[in-house]
Amino acid sequence: MTKKTLEIEGTWEEVIVHSAELAGRRVRVTVLPEKTSSQSPENPPSFRPASGRSLLRHTGTWAGDDLEDCLQKVYENRTPLEF
């Protein structure tokens, strides 16, 4: 069984607080661009599509017996796409 990925986000000072917890483990550090001080309606933040990573923490946790009913409701409520 694979272990869950731990995701920590914050400033370097906030992340380094977890150094004892992360000692000896492989980590990946991504340096994000600086936040702008103000976001105006003329300059909205750029759209970044979801990666699905947040959903992975729920993998294998289905505990219900109504999967077929839920799928049927999804199929019944779908609307055709128009391009």
PDB file of N, CA and C in Angstrom:
ATOM      1  N   MET A   1       0.843  -1.169   0.000  1.00  0.00           N
ATOM      2  CA  MET A   1       0.000   0.000   0.000  1.00  0.00           C
ATOM      3  C   MET A   1       0.896   1.243   0.000  1.00  0.00           C
ATOM      4  N   THR A   2       0.562   2.222  -0.810  1.00  0.00           N
ATOM      5  CA  THR A   2       1.364   3.438  -0.890  1.00  0.00           C
ATOM      6  C   THR A   2       0.917   4.426   0.172  1.00  0.00           C
ATOM      7  N   LYS A   3       1.872   5.208   0.660  1.00  0.00           N
ATOM      8  CA  LYS A   3       1.550   6.222   1.665  1.00  0.00           C
ATOM      9  C   LYS A   3       0.995   7.457   0.980  1.00  0.00           C
ATOM     10  N   LYS A   4       0.179   8.196   1.703  1.00  0.00           N
ATOM     11  CA  LYS A   4      -0.392   9.419   1.156  1.00  0.00           C
ATOM     12  C   LYS A   4       0.693  10.486   1.033  1.00  0.00           C
ATOM     13  N   THR A   5       0.552  11.317   0.017  1.00  0.00           N
ATOM     14  CA  THR A   5       1.464  12.435  -0.179  1.00  0.00           C
ATOM     15  C   THR A   5       1.069  13.555   0.771  1.00  0.00           C
ATOM     16  N   LEU A   6       2.044  14.092   1.462  1.00  0.00           N
ATOM     17  CA  LEU A   6       1.814  15.214   2.364  1.00  0.00           C
ATOM     18  C   LEU A   6       2.067  16.491   1.599  1.00  0.00           C
ATOM     19  N   GLU A   7       1.131  17.412   1.643  1.00  0.00           N
ATOM     20  CA  GLU A   7       1.287  18.687   0.944  1.00  0.00           C
ATOM     21  C   GLU A   7       1.285  19.816   1.965  1.00  0.00           C
ATOM     22  N   ILE A   8       2.371  20.582   1.966  1.00  0.00           N
ATOM     23  CA  ILE A   8       2.525  21.708   2.880  1.00  0.00           C
ATOM     24  C   ILE A   8       2.732  22.951   2.037  1.00  0.00           C
ATOM     25  N   GLU A   9       1.965  23.989   2.317  1.00  0.00           N
ATOM     26  CA  GLU A   9       2.099  25.226   1.552  1.00  0.00           C
ATOM     27  C   GLU A   9       2.170  26.400   2.506  1.00  0.00           C
ATOM     28  N   GLY A  10       3.004  27.363   2.179  1.00  0.00           N
ATOM     29  CA  GLY A  10       3.139  28.555   2.994  1.00  0.00           C
ATOM     30  C   GLY A  10       4.451  29.236   2.672  1.00  0.00           C
ATOM     31  N   THR A  11       4.818  30.186   3.483  1.00  0.00           N
ATOM     32  CA  THR A  11       6.113  30.827   3.298  1.00  0.00           C
ATOM     33  C   THR A  11       7.195  29.855   3.755  1.00  0.00           C
ATOM     34  N   TRP A  12       8.441  30.158   3.405  1.00  0.00           N
ATOM     35  CA  TRP A  12       9.538  29.277   3.802  1.00  0.00           C
ATOM     36  C   TRP A  12       9.573  29.130   5.323  1.00  0.00           C
ATOM     37  N   GLU A  13       9.332  30.216   6.031  1.00  0.00           N
ATOM     38  CA  GLU A  13       9.346  30.177   7.485  1.00  0.00           C
ATOM     39  C   GLU A  13       8.241  29.259   8.029  1.00  0.00           C
ATOM     40  N   GLU A  14       7.089  29.240   7.361  1.00  0.00           N
ATOM     41  CA  GLU A  14       5.994  28.369   7.795  1.00  0.00           C
ATOM     42  C   GLU A  14       6.277  26.910   7.462  1.00  0.00           C
ATOM     43  N   VAL A  15       6.939  26.670   6.347  1.00  0.00           N
ATOM     44  CA  VAL A  15       7.240  25.296   5.928  1.00  0.00           C
ATOM     45  C   VAL A  15       8.358  24.703   6.781  1.00  0.00           C
ATOM     46  N   ILE A  16       9.379  25.483   7.092  1.00  0.00           N
ATOM     47  CA  ILE A  16      10.544  24.980   7.821  1.00  0.00           C
ATOM     48  C   ILE A  16      10.187  24.508   9.226  1.00  0.00           C
ATOM     49  N   VAL A  17       9.043  24.950   9.740  1.00  0.00           N
ATOM     50  CA  VAL A  17       8.578  24.489  11.054  1.00  0.00           C
ATOM     51  C   VAL A  17       8.390  22.969  11.043  1.00  0.00           C
ATOM     52  N   HIS A  18       8.148  22.384   9.861  1.00  0.00           N
ATOM     53  CA  HIS A  18       7.910  20.942   9.725  1.00  0.00           C
ATOM     54  C   HIS A  18       9.200  20.171   9.470  1.00  0.00           C
ATOM     55  N   SER A  19      10.357  20.781   9.679  1.00  0.00           N
ATOM     56  CA  SER A  19      11.624  20.141   9.321  1.00  0.00           C
ATOM     57  C   SER A  19      11.848  18.824  10.058  1.00  0.00           C
ATOM     58  N   ALA A  20      11.503  18.741  11.313  1.00  0.00           N
ATOM     59  CA  ALA A  20      11.690  17.493  12.058  1.00  0.00           C
ATOM     60  C   ALA A  20      10.807  16.381  11.487  1.00  0.00           C
ATOM     61  N   GLU A  21       9.610  16.732  11.109  1.00  0.00           N
ATOM     62  CA  GLU A  21       8.655  15.778  10.527  1.00  0.00           C
ATOM     63  C   GLU A  21       9.133  15.273   9.162  1.00  0.00           C
ATOM     64  N   LEU A  22       9.865  16.124   8.432  1.00  0.00           N
ATOM     65  CA  LEU A  22      10.300  15.798   7.078  1.00  0.00           C
ATOM     66  C   LEU A  22      11.723  15.270   7.016  1.00  0.00           C
ATOM     67  N   ALA A  23      12.429  15.231   8.133  1.00  0.00           N
ATOM     68  CA  ALA A  23      13.822  14.782   8.148  1.00  0.00           C
ATOM     69  C   ALA A  23      13.938  13.366   7.586  1.00  0.00           C
ATOM     70  N   GLY A  24      14.858  13.196   6.640  1.00  0.00           N
ATOM     71  CA  GLY A  24      15.090  11.885   6.038  1.00  0.00           C
ATOM     72  C   GLY A  24      14.127  11.511   4.931  1.00  0.00           C
ATOM     73  N   ARG A  25      13.159  12.348   4.641  1.00  0.00           N
ATOM     74  CA  ARG A  25      12.178  12.048   3.591  1.00  0.00           C
ATOM     75  C   ARG A  25      12.513  12.821   2.333  1.00  0.00           C
ATOM     76  N   ARG A  26      12.096  12.298   1.197  1.00  0.00           N
ATOM     77  CA  ARG A  26      12.241  13.016  -0.066  1.00  0.00           C
ATOM     78  C   ARG A  26      11.180  14.097  -0.122  1.00  0.00           C
ATOM     79  N   VAL A  27      11.560  15.274  -0.554  1.00  0.00           N
ATOM     80  CA  VAL A  27      10.617  16.384  -0.662  1.00  0.00           C
ATOM     81  C   VAL A  27      10.787  17.071  -2.008  1.00  0.00           C
ATOM     82  N   ARG A  28       9.778  17.807  -2.417  1.00  0.00           N
ATOM     83  CA  ARG A  28       9.834  18.626  -3.626  1.00  0.00           C
ATOM     84  C   ARG A  28       9.436  20.029  -3.219  1.00  0.00           C
ATOM     85  N   VAL A  29      10.245  20.990  -3.578  1.00  0.00           N
ATOM     86  CA  VAL A  29       9.962  22.387  -3.249  1.00  0.00           C
ATOM     87  C   VAL A  29       9.666  23.126  -4.540  1.00  0.00           C
ATOM     88  N   THR A  30       8.524  23.793  -4.594  1.00  0.00           N
ATOM     89  CA  THR A  30       8.149  24.619  -5.732  1.00  0.00           C
ATOM     90  C   THR A  30       8.049  26.052  -5.232  1.00  0.00           C
ATOM     91  N   VAL A  31       8.836  26.938  -5.816  1.00  0.00           N
ATOM     92  CA  VAL A  31       8.799  28.338  -5.417  1.00  0.00           C
ATOM     93  C   VAL A  31       7.743  29.036  -6.267  1.00  0.00           C
ATOM     94  N   LEU A  32       6.719  29.552  -5.609  1.00  0.00           N
ATOM     95  CA  LEU A  32       5.604  30.197  -6.291  1.00  0.00           C
ATOM     96  C   LEU A  32       5.928  31.666  -6.538  1.00  0.00           C
ATOM     97  N   PRO A  33       5.316  32.269  -7.557  1.00  0.00           N
ATOM     98  CA  PRO A  33       5.546  33.690  -7.813  1.00  0.00           C
ATOM     99  C   PRO A  33       4.978  34.527  -6.672  1.00  0.00           C
ATOM    100  N   GLU A  34       5.537  35.715  -6.521  1.00  0.00           N
ATOM    101  CA  GLU A  34       5.067  36.639  -5.486  1.00  0.00           C
ATOM    102  C   GLU A  34       3.620  37.005  -5.748  1.00  0.00           C
ATOM    103  N   LYS A  35       2.847  37.157  -4.687  1.00  0.00           N
ATOM    104  CA  LYS A  35       1.466  37.625  -4.814  1.00  0.00           C
ATOM    105  C   LYS A  35       1.501  39.117  -5.059  1.00  0.00           C
ATOM    106  N   THR A  36       0.600  39.565  -5.915  1.00  0.00           N
ATOM    107  CA  THR A  36       0.486  41.010  -6.108  1.00  0.00           C
ATOM    108  C   THR A  36      -0.332  41.579  -4.967  1.00  0.00           C
ATOM    109  N   SER A  37      -0.085  42.822  -4.622  1.00  0.00           N
ATOM    110  CA  SER A  37      -0.746  43.424  -3.465  1.00  0.00           C
ATOM    111  C   SER A  37      -2.239  43.614  -3.680  1.00  0.00           C
ATOM    112  N   SER A  38      -2.671  43.827  -4.909  1.00  0.00           N
ATOM    113  CA  SER A  38      -4.096  44.002  -5.146  1.00  0.00           C
ATOM    114  C   SER A  38      -4.479  43.376  -6.475  1.00  0.00           C
ATOM    115  N   GLN A  39      -5.628  42.747  -6.490  1.00  0.00           N
ATOM    116  CA  GLN A  39      -6.189  42.170  -7.708  1.00  0.00           C
ATOM    117  C   GLN A  39      -7.390  43.010  -8.093  1.00  0.00           C
ATOM    118  N   SER A  40      -7.318  43.659  -9.221  1.00  0.00           N
ATOM    119  CA  SER A  40      -8.437  44.483  -9.660  1.00  0.00           C
ATOM    120  C   SER A  40      -9.307  43.691 -10.634  1.00  0.00           C
ATOM    121  N   PRO A  41     -10.584  44.083 -10.808  1.00  0.00           N
ATOM    122  CA  PRO A  41     -11.454  43.396 -11.760  1.00  0.00           C
ATOM    123  C   PRO A  41     -10.901  43.453 -13.186  1.00  0.00           C
ATOM    124  N   GLU A  42     -10.140  44.505 -13.502  1.00  0.00           N
ATOM    125  CA  GLU A  42      -9.554  44.594 -14.840  1.00  0.00           C
ATOM    126  C   GLU A  42      -8.400  43.611 -15.013  1.00  0.00           C
ATOM    127  N   ASN A  43      -7.810  43.198 -13.909  1.00  0.00           N
ATOM    128  CA  ASN A  43      -6.661  42.300 -13.951  1.00  0.00           C
ATOM    129  C   ASN A  43      -6.931  41.096 -13.034  1.00  0.00           C
ATOM    130  N   PRO A  44      -7.855  40.200 -13.447  1.00  0.00           N
ATOM    131  CA  PRO A  44      -8.197  39.062 -12.581  1.00  0.00           C
ATOM    132  C   PRO A  44      -7.023  38.090 -12.499  1.00  0.00           C
ATOM    133  N   PRO A  45      -6.968  37.279 -11.444  1.00  0.00           N
ATOM    134  CA  PRO A  45      -5.894  36.291 -11.350  1.00  0.00           C
ATOM    135  C   PRO A  45      -6.009  35.294 -12.499  1.00  0.00           C
ATOM    136  N   SER A  46      -4.882  34.786 -12.958  1.00  0.00           N
ATOM    137  CA  SER A  46      -4.911  33.852 -14.078  1.00  0.00           C
ATOM    138  C   SER A  46      -5.569  32.544 -13.652  1.00  0.00           C
ATOM    139  N   PHE A  47      -6.299  31.956 -14.568  1.00  0.00           N
ATOM    140  CA  PHE A  47      -7.000  30.703 -14.305  1.00  0.00           C
ATOM    141  C   PHE A  47      -6.011  29.556 -14.322  1.00  0.00           C
ATOM    142  N   ARG A  48      -6.091  28.724 -13.315  1.00  0.00           N
ATOM    143  CA  ARG A  48      -5.240  27.535 -13.247  1.00  0.00           C
ATOM    144  C   ARG A  48      -6.152  26.336 -13.045  1.00  0.00           C
ATOM    145  N   PRO A  49      -6.286  25.472 -14.039  1.00  0.00           N
ATOM    146  CA  PRO A  49      -7.199  24.340 -13.899  1.00  0.00           C
ATOM    147  C   PRO A  49      -6.782  23.424 -12.750  1.00  0.00           C
ATOM    148  N   ALA A  50      -7.757  22.813 -12.138  1.00  0.00           N
ATOM    149  CA  ALA A  50      -7.493  21.891 -11.031  1.00  0.00           C
ATOM    150  C   ALA A  50      -6.712  20.691 -11.527  1.00  0.00           C
ATOM    151  N   SER A  51      -5.828  20.204 -10.699  1.00  0.00           N
ATOM    152  CA  SER A  51      -5.011  19.053 -11.078  1.00  0.00           C
ATOM    153  C   SER A  51      -5.640  17.744 -10.640  1.00  0.00           C
ATOM    154  N   GLY A  52      -6.573  17.821  -9.724  1.00  0.00           N
ATOM    155  CA  GLY A  52      -7.179  16.600  -9.203  1.00  0.00           C
ATOM    156  C   GLY A  52      -6.421  16.053  -8.006  1.00  0.00           C
ATOM    157  N   ARG A  53      -5.292  16.674  -7.659  1.00  0.00           N
ATOM    158  CA  ARG A  53      -4.487  16.193  -6.537  1.00  0.00           C
ATOM    159  C   ARG A  53      -5.291  16.182  -5.238  1.00  0.00           C
ATOM    160  N   SER A  54      -6.147  17.191  -5.052  1.00  0.00           N
ATOM    161  CA  SER A  54      -6.915  17.256  -3.812  1.00  0.00           C
ATOM    162  C   SER A  54      -7.903  16.101  -3.717  1.00  0.00           C
ATOM    163  N   LEU A  55      -8.328  15.565  -4.853  1.00  0.00           N
ATOM    164  CA  LEU A  55      -9.264  14.437  -4.833  1.00  0.00           C
ATOM    165  C   LEU A  55      -8.578  13.124  -4.479  1.00  0.00           C
ATOM    166  N   LEU A  56      -7.285  13.034  -4.732  1.00  0.00           N
ATOM    167  CA  LEU A  56      -6.575  11.784  -4.496  1.00  0.00           C
ATOM    168  C   LEU A  56      -6.586  11.358  -3.036  1.00  0.00           C
ATOM    169  N   ARG A  57      -6.702  12.314  -2.121  1.00  0.00           N
ATOM    170  CA  ARG A  57      -6.713  11.934  -0.710  1.00  0.00           C
ATOM    171  C   ARG A  57      -7.972  11.147  -0.344  1.00  0.00           C
ATOM    172  N   HIS A  58      -8.982  11.184  -1.216  1.00  0.00           N
ATOM    173  CA  HIS A  58     -10.218  10.445  -0.966  1.00  0.00           C
ATOM    174  C   HIS A  58     -10.247   9.089  -1.671  1.00  0.00           C
ATOM    175  N   THR A  59      -9.185   8.759  -2.375  1.00  0.00           N
ATOM    176  CA  THR A  59      -9.135   7.510  -3.122  1.00  0.00           C
ATOM    177  C   THR A  59      -9.303   6.325  -2.176  1.00  0.00           C
ATOM    178  N   GLY A  60     -10.193   5.428  -2.553  1.00  0.00           N
ATOM    179  CA  GLY A  60     -10.406   4.214  -1.766  1.00  0.00           C
ATOM    180  C   GLY A  60     -11.213   4.417  -0.508  1.00  0.00           C
ATOM    181  N   THR A  61     -11.870   5.551  -0.371  1.00  0.00           N
ATOM    182  CA  THR A  61     -12.612   5.808   0.861  1.00  0.00           C
ATOM    183  C   THR A  61     -14.125   5.690   0.676  1.00  0.00           C
ATOM    184  N   TRP A  62     -14.587   5.215  -0.477  1.00  0.00           N
ATOM    185  CA  TRP A  62     -16.025   5.065  -0.699  1.00  0.00           C
ATOM    186  C   TRP A  62     -16.582   4.060   0.297  1.00  0.00           C
ATOM    187  N   ALA A  63     -17.603   4.466   1.049  1.00  0.00           N
ATOM    188  CA  ALA A  63     -18.150   3.588   2.068  1.00  0.00           C
ATOM    189  C   ALA A  63     -19.630   3.305   1.838  1.00  0.00           C
ATOM    190  N   GLY A  64     -20.193   3.860   0.786  1.00  0.00           N
ATOM    191  CA  GLY A  64     -21.622   3.687   0.555  1.00  0.00           C
ATOM    192  C   GLY A  64     -21.937   2.504  -0.341  1.00  0.00           C
ATOM    193  N   ASP A  65     -23.216   2.182  -0.445  1.00  0.00           N
ATOM    194  CA  ASP A  65     -23.650   1.120  -1.348  1.00  0.00           C
ATOM    195  C   ASP A  65     -24.600   1.686  -2.394  1.00  0.00           C
ATOM    196  N   ASP A  66     -24.546   2.997  -2.610  1.00  0.00           N
ATOM    197  CA  ASP A  66     -25.457   3.647  -3.543  1.00  0.00           C
ATOM    198  C   ASP A  66     -24.736   4.177  -4.780  1.00  0.00           C
ATOM    199  N   LEU A  67     -23.602   3.595  -5.117  1.00  0.00           N
ATOM    200  CA  LEU A  67     -22.829   4.060  -6.262  1.00  0.00           C
ATOM    201  C   LEU A  67     -23.655   3.995  -7.551  1.00  0.00           C
ATOM    202  N   GLU A  68     -24.338   2.898  -7.781  1.00  0.00           N
ATOM    203  CA  GLU A  68     -25.140   2.756  -8.997  1.00  0.00           C
ATOM    204  C   GLU A  68     -26.246   3.811  -9.051  1.00  0.00           C
ATOM    205  N   ASP A  69     -26.903   4.080  -7.917  1.00  0.00           N
ATOM    206  CA  ASP A  69     -27.944   5.109  -7.874  1.00  0.00           C
ATOM    207  C   ASP A  69     -27.365   6.483  -8.188  1.00  0.00           C
ATOM    208  N   CYS A  70     -26.194   6.784  -7.628  1.00  0.00           N
ATOM    209  CA  CYS A  70     -25.555   8.075  -7.872  1.00  0.00           C
ATOM    210  C   CYS A  70     -25.174   8.230  -9.338  1.00  0.00           C
ATOM    211  N   LEU A  71     -24.622   7.185  -9.925  1.00  0.00           N
ATOM    212  CA  LEU A  71     -24.262   7.236 -11.341  1.00  0.00           C
ATOM    213  C   LEU A  71     -25.490   7.436 -12.214  1.00  0.00           C
ATOM    214  N   GLN A  72     -26.570   6.760 -11.876  1.00  0.00           N
ATOM    215  CA  GLN A  72     -27.801   6.898 -12.640  1.00  0.00           C
ATOM    216  C   GLN A  72     -28.308   8.335 -12.581  1.00  0.00           C
ATOM    217  N   LYS A  73     -28.245   8.984 -11.419  1.00  0.00           N
ATOM    218  CA  LYS A  73     -28.669  10.369 -11.290  1.00  0.00           C
ATOM    219  C   LYS A  73     -27.795  11.294 -12.131  1.00  0.00           C
ATOM    220  N   VAL A  74     -26.501  11.001 -12.179  1.00  0.00           N
ATOM    221  CA  VAL A  74     -25.597  11.800 -13.010  1.00  0.00           C
ATOM    222  C   VAL A  74     -26.005  11.679 -14.469  1.00  0.00           C
ATOM    223  N   TYR A  75     -26.239  10.463 -14.935  1.00  0.00           N
ATOM    224  CA  TYR A  75     -26.618  10.257 -16.338  1.00  0.00           C
ATOM    225  C   TYR A  75     -27.957  10.934 -16.649  1.00  0.00           C
ATOM    226  N   GLU A  76     -28.902  10.890 -15.731  1.00  0.00           N
ATOM    227  CA  GLU A  76     -30.214  11.488 -15.951  1.00  0.00           C
ATOM    228  C   GLU A  76     -30.148  13.018 -16.017  1.00  0.00           C
ATOM    229  N   ASN A  77     -29.211  13.610 -15.300  1.00  0.00           N
ATOM    230  CA  ASN A  77     -29.135  15.069 -15.217  1.00  0.00           C
ATOM    231  C   ASN A  77     -28.124  15.693 -16.168  1.00  0.00           C
ATOM    232  N   ARG A  78     -27.505  14.895 -16.991  1.00  0.00           N
ATOM    233  CA  ARG A  78     -26.555  15.445 -17.962  1.00  0.00           C
ATOM    234  C   ARG A  78     -27.306  16.240 -19.029  1.00  0.00           C
ATOM    235  N   THR A  79     -26.682  17.310 -19.465  1.00  0.00           N
ATOM    236  CA  THR A  79     -27.244  18.074 -20.574  1.00  0.00           C
ATOM    237  C   THR A  79     -26.246  18.045 -21.703  1.00  0.00           C
ATOM    238  N   PRO A  80     -26.726  18.036 -22.955  1.00  0.00           N
ATOM    239  CA  PRO A  80     -25.809  17.997 -24.086  1.00  0.00           C
ATOM    240  C   PRO A  80     -24.965  19.284 -24.156  1.00  0.00           C
ATOM    241  N   LEU A  81     -23.735  19.126 -24.546  1.00  0.00           N
ATOM    242  CA  LEU A  81     -22.862  20.283 -24.719  1.00  0.00           C
ATOM    243  C   LEU A  81     -23.083  20.917 -26.077  1.00  0.00           C
ATOM    244  N   GLU A  82     -23.034  22.228 -26.102  1.00  0.00           N
ATOM    245  CA  GLU A  82     -23.138  22.947 -27.366  1.00  0.00           C
ATOM    246  C   GLU A  82     -21.870  23.744 -27.559  1.00  0.00           C
ATOM    247  N   PHE A  83     -21.251  23.567 -28.706  1.00  0.00           N
ATOM    248  CA  PHE A  83     -20.016  24.288 -29.005  1.00  0.00           C
ATOM    249  C   PHE A  83     -20.255  25.321 -30.065  1.00  0.00           C
TER     250      PHE A  83
END
